[in-house]
Amino acid sequence: MTLENISNIEGLFEVINTCKGSVELVSPEGDKINLKSRLAQLLSLSGVFSHGYIRELELKIEEQEDMDKILEFAMDGKDSE
C-alpha cells in the first residue's frame, strides 16, 4: 500500500499502534522497518521535520483489517491536521 502526502504523522502512528499485525515501511531498496516500533517512528519523524509532511510511504501491512484502518485514516481526511 502506498500513502501519499501525509501531514498528520502522529495520527498515522496512532492508527498503526492499534494494528494487530505488523506494519512495515518499505524502502525503495526493499529494506523493511517495523513502524510499530517507537524508535522507528521517531526516526521516521526526523525526516518529516525538514518538509512538514511525508511525500510518499510504501507500507507492507500483514492484516487486511489493519490495511482497512490505515486506508480509512487516509481517505477520511484525518491525514491532514
N, C-alpha and C. Protein backbone atom coordinates (compact mmCIF):
# COMPACT_ATOMS: atom_id res chain seq x y z
N MET A 1 0.86 -1.16 0.00
CA MET A 1 0.00 0.00 0.00
C MET A 1 0.90 1.22 0.00
N THR A 2 0.57 2.19 -0.84
CA THR A 2 1.31 3.44 -0.91
C THR A 2 0.43 4.57 -0.41
N LEU A 3 0.93 5.34 0.54
CA LEU A 3 0.24 6.53 1.03
C LEU A 3 1.03 7.74 0.57
N GLU A 4 0.32 8.80 0.19
CA GLU A 4 0.99 10.00 -0.29
C GLU A 4 0.56 11.23 0.49
N ASN A 5 1.50 12.17 0.62
CA ASN A 5 1.25 13.48 1.22
C ASN A 5 0.59 13.40 2.59
N ILE A 6 1.20 12.67 3.48
CA ILE A 6 0.70 12.52 4.84
C ILE A 6 1.26 13.64 5.69
N SER A 7 0.38 14.49 6.20
CA SER A 7 0.84 15.59 7.05
C SER A 7 0.59 15.33 8.53
N ASN A 8 -0.36 14.47 8.85
CA ASN A 8 -0.65 14.14 10.25
C ASN A 8 0.07 12.84 10.60
N ILE A 9 1.38 12.95 10.75
CA ILE A 9 2.21 11.78 11.01
C ILE A 9 1.87 11.15 12.36
N GLU A 10 1.66 11.99 13.37
CA GLU A 10 1.32 11.45 14.69
C GLU A 10 0.01 10.67 14.63
N GLY A 11 -0.97 11.18 13.89
CA GLY A 11 -2.24 10.47 13.74
C GLY A 11 -2.05 9.14 13.04
N LEU A 12 -1.20 9.11 12.02
CA LEU A 12 -0.92 7.86 11.32
C LEU A 12 -0.29 6.85 12.27
N PHE A 13 0.68 7.29 13.08
CA PHE A 13 1.32 6.38 14.02
C PHE A 13 0.34 5.89 15.09
N GLU A 14 -0.61 6.74 15.49
CA GLU A 14 -1.64 6.31 16.44
C GLU A 14 -2.46 5.17 15.85
N VAL A 15 -2.82 5.28 14.58
CA VAL A 15 -3.56 4.21 13.90
C VAL A 15 -2.70 2.97 13.80
N ILE A 16 -1.45 3.13 13.40
CA ILE A 16 -0.54 1.99 13.27
C ILE A 16 -0.38 1.27 14.61
N ASN A 17 -0.32 2.02 15.70
CA ASN A 17 -0.16 1.41 17.03
C ASN A 17 -1.36 0.55 17.42
N THR A 18 -2.51 0.77 16.81
CA THR A 18 -3.70 -0.04 17.12
C THR A 18 -3.79 -1.28 16.24
N CYS A 19 -2.91 -1.40 15.27
CA CYS A 19 -2.95 -2.54 14.35
C CYS A 19 -2.55 -3.83 15.07
N LYS A 20 -3.19 -4.93 14.67
CA LYS A 20 -2.91 -6.23 15.28
C LYS A 20 -1.66 -6.89 14.69
N GLY A 21 -1.49 -6.78 13.38
CA GLY A 21 -0.35 -7.41 12.71
C GLY A 21 0.78 -6.42 12.51
N SER A 22 1.79 -6.86 11.77
CA SER A 22 2.93 -5.99 11.53
C SER A 22 2.61 -4.97 10.44
N VAL A 23 3.21 -3.80 10.60
CA VAL A 23 3.12 -2.73 9.60
C VAL A 23 4.55 -2.28 9.37
N GLU A 24 5.02 -2.45 8.14
CA GLU A 24 6.41 -2.15 7.84
C GLU A 24 6.52 -1.08 6.76
N LEU A 25 7.48 -0.19 6.95
CA LEU A 25 7.84 0.78 5.93
C LEU A 25 8.82 0.08 4.99
N VAL A 26 8.57 0.15 3.69
CA VAL A 26 9.44 -0.50 2.71
C VAL A 26 10.18 0.58 1.94
N SER A 27 11.51 0.51 1.99
CA SER A 27 12.33 1.50 1.28
C SER A 27 12.38 1.15 -0.21
N PRO A 28 12.80 2.10 -1.05
CA PRO A 28 12.95 1.81 -2.48
C PRO A 28 13.92 0.66 -2.75
N GLU A 29 14.84 0.43 -1.82
CA GLU A 29 15.81 -0.66 -1.98
C GLU A 29 15.26 -2.00 -1.50
N GLY A 30 14.07 -1.98 -0.88
CA GLY A 30 13.46 -3.21 -0.38
C GLY A 30 13.67 -3.47 1.10
N ASP A 31 14.37 -2.57 1.79
CA ASP A 31 14.55 -2.71 3.23
C ASP A 31 13.22 -2.48 3.92
N LYS A 32 12.99 -3.17 5.04
CA LYS A 32 11.73 -3.05 5.78
C LYS A 32 12.01 -2.59 7.20
N ILE A 33 11.20 -1.62 7.66
CA ILE A 33 11.32 -1.09 9.02
C ILE A 33 9.98 -1.25 9.71
N ASN A 34 9.99 -1.86 10.90
CA ASN A 34 8.78 -2.08 11.68
C ASN A 34 8.27 -0.76 12.23
N LEU A 35 7.14 -0.27 11.70
CA LEU A 35 6.60 1.01 12.15
C LEU A 35 5.82 0.92 13.46
N LYS A 36 5.67 -0.27 14.01
CA LYS A 36 5.04 -0.37 15.33
C LYS A 36 6.07 -0.13 16.42
N SER A 37 7.33 -0.05 16.05
CA SER A 37 8.42 0.26 16.98
C SER A 37 8.47 1.76 17.22
N ARG A 38 8.49 2.17 18.46
CA ARG A 38 8.54 3.60 18.79
C ARG A 38 9.83 4.23 18.27
N LEU A 39 10.94 3.51 18.33
CA LEU A 39 12.21 4.03 17.82
C LEU A 39 12.11 4.27 16.32
N ALA A 40 11.54 3.34 15.59
CA ALA A 40 11.38 3.51 14.14
C ALA A 40 10.48 4.70 13.84
N GLN A 41 9.44 4.89 14.66
CA GLN A 41 8.55 6.03 14.47
C GLN A 41 9.30 7.34 14.67
N LEU A 42 10.13 7.40 15.71
CA LEU A 42 10.90 8.62 15.97
C LEU A 42 11.89 8.91 14.85
N LEU A 43 12.51 7.87 14.33
CA LEU A 43 13.44 8.05 13.22
C LEU A 43 12.70 8.53 11.97
N SER A 44 11.51 8.01 11.74
CA SER A 44 10.70 8.44 10.60
C SER A 44 10.31 9.89 10.74
N LEU A 45 9.98 10.30 11.97
CA LEU A 45 9.60 11.69 12.22
C LEU A 45 10.75 12.64 11.94
N SER A 46 11.98 12.20 12.17
CA SER A 46 13.13 13.09 11.97
C SER A 46 13.21 13.55 10.52
N GLY A 47 12.81 12.73 9.58
CA GLY A 47 12.80 13.13 8.18
C GLY A 47 11.67 14.07 7.85
N VAL A 48 10.62 14.05 8.63
CA VAL A 48 9.45 14.88 8.39
C VAL A 48 9.74 16.34 8.68
N PHE A 49 10.55 16.60 9.68
CA PHE A 49 10.75 17.98 10.11
C PHE A 49 11.37 18.87 9.03
N SER A 50 12.05 18.29 8.08
CA SER A 50 12.62 19.11 7.02
C SER A 50 11.57 19.52 5.99
N HIS A 51 10.46 18.77 5.89
CA HIS A 51 9.42 19.06 4.90
C HIS A 51 8.07 19.38 5.52
N GLY A 52 7.79 18.90 6.71
CA GLY A 52 6.50 19.10 7.35
C GLY A 52 5.48 18.03 7.00
N TYR A 53 5.82 17.16 6.09
CA TYR A 53 4.95 16.06 5.71
C TYR A 53 5.78 14.96 5.07
N ILE A 54 5.18 13.80 4.90
CA ILE A 54 5.84 12.71 4.18
C ILE A 54 5.21 12.63 2.81
N ARG A 55 6.02 12.77 1.77
CA ARG A 55 5.51 12.77 0.40
C ARG A 55 4.93 11.42 0.02
N GLU A 56 5.64 10.34 0.35
CA GLU A 56 5.16 9.02 -0.05
C GLU A 56 5.70 7.96 0.91
N LEU A 57 4.83 7.05 1.30
CA LEU A 57 5.20 5.91 2.14
C LEU A 57 4.74 4.63 1.47
N GLU A 58 5.62 3.68 1.36
CA GLU A 58 5.24 2.35 0.88
C GLU A 58 5.18 1.45 2.11
N LEU A 59 4.01 0.92 2.39
CA LEU A 59 3.80 0.09 3.57
C LEU A 59 3.49 -1.35 3.19
N LYS A 60 4.00 -2.26 3.98
CA LYS A 60 3.62 -3.67 3.89
C LYS A 60 2.81 -3.95 5.14
N ILE A 61 1.55 -4.31 4.94
CA ILE A 61 0.62 -4.50 6.06
C ILE A 61 0.16 -5.94 6.06
N GLU A 62 0.36 -6.60 7.20
CA GLU A 62 0.11 -8.03 7.32
C GLU A 62 -1.38 -8.39 7.30
N GLU A 63 -2.19 -7.65 8.04
CA GLU A 63 -3.61 -7.99 8.23
C GLU A 63 -4.51 -7.08 7.40
N GLN A 64 -5.50 -7.66 6.74
CA GLN A 64 -6.45 -6.88 5.95
C GLN A 64 -7.19 -5.86 6.83
N GLU A 65 -7.55 -6.26 8.03
CA GLU A 65 -8.24 -5.36 8.97
C GLU A 65 -7.39 -4.12 9.25
N ASP A 66 -6.08 -4.31 9.39
CA ASP A 66 -5.17 -3.19 9.62
C ASP A 66 -5.07 -2.30 8.38
N MET A 67 -5.03 -2.92 7.21
CA MET A 67 -4.98 -2.16 5.97
C MET A 67 -6.23 -1.28 5.84
N ASP A 68 -7.37 -1.84 6.20
CA ASP A 68 -8.63 -1.08 6.14
C ASP A 68 -8.58 0.13 7.08
N LYS A 69 -8.02 -0.06 8.27
CA LYS A 69 -7.90 1.05 9.25
C LYS A 69 -7.05 2.18 8.69
N ILE A 70 -5.90 1.82 8.14
CA ILE A 70 -4.98 2.83 7.63
C ILE A 70 -5.57 3.52 6.40
N LEU A 71 -6.22 2.76 5.55
CA LEU A 71 -6.86 3.34 4.37
C LEU A 71 -7.99 4.29 4.78
N GLU A 72 -8.76 3.90 5.78
CA GLU A 72 -9.83 4.76 6.29
C GLU A 72 -9.25 6.07 6.84
N PHE A 73 -8.15 5.97 7.57
CA PHE A 73 -7.47 7.16 8.09
C PHE A 73 -7.10 8.10 6.94
N ALA A 74 -6.52 7.55 5.88
CA ALA A 74 -6.08 8.36 4.75
C ALA A 74 -7.27 8.93 3.97
N MET A 75 -8.31 8.15 3.79
CA MET A 75 -9.47 8.57 2.98
C MET A 75 -10.39 9.55 3.70
N ASP A 76 -10.48 9.46 5.01
CA ASP A 76 -11.40 10.32 5.77
C ASP A 76 -10.87 11.73 5.98
N GLY A 77 -9.69 12.00 5.46
CA GLY A 77 -9.14 13.33 5.64
C GLY A 77 -8.49 13.52 6.98
N LYS A 78 -8.38 12.45 7.76
CA LYS A 78 -7.72 12.54 9.05
C LYS A 78 -6.22 12.68 8.88
N ASP A 79 -5.77 12.55 7.63
CA ASP A 79 -4.33 12.65 7.39
C ASP A 79 -3.87 14.08 7.30
N SER A 80 -4.78 15.04 7.40
CA SER A 80 -4.35 16.44 7.41
C SER A 80 -4.81 17.09 8.68
N GLU A 81 -3.91 17.78 9.32
CA GLU A 81 -4.20 18.39 10.63
C GLU A 81 -4.98 19.67 10.46
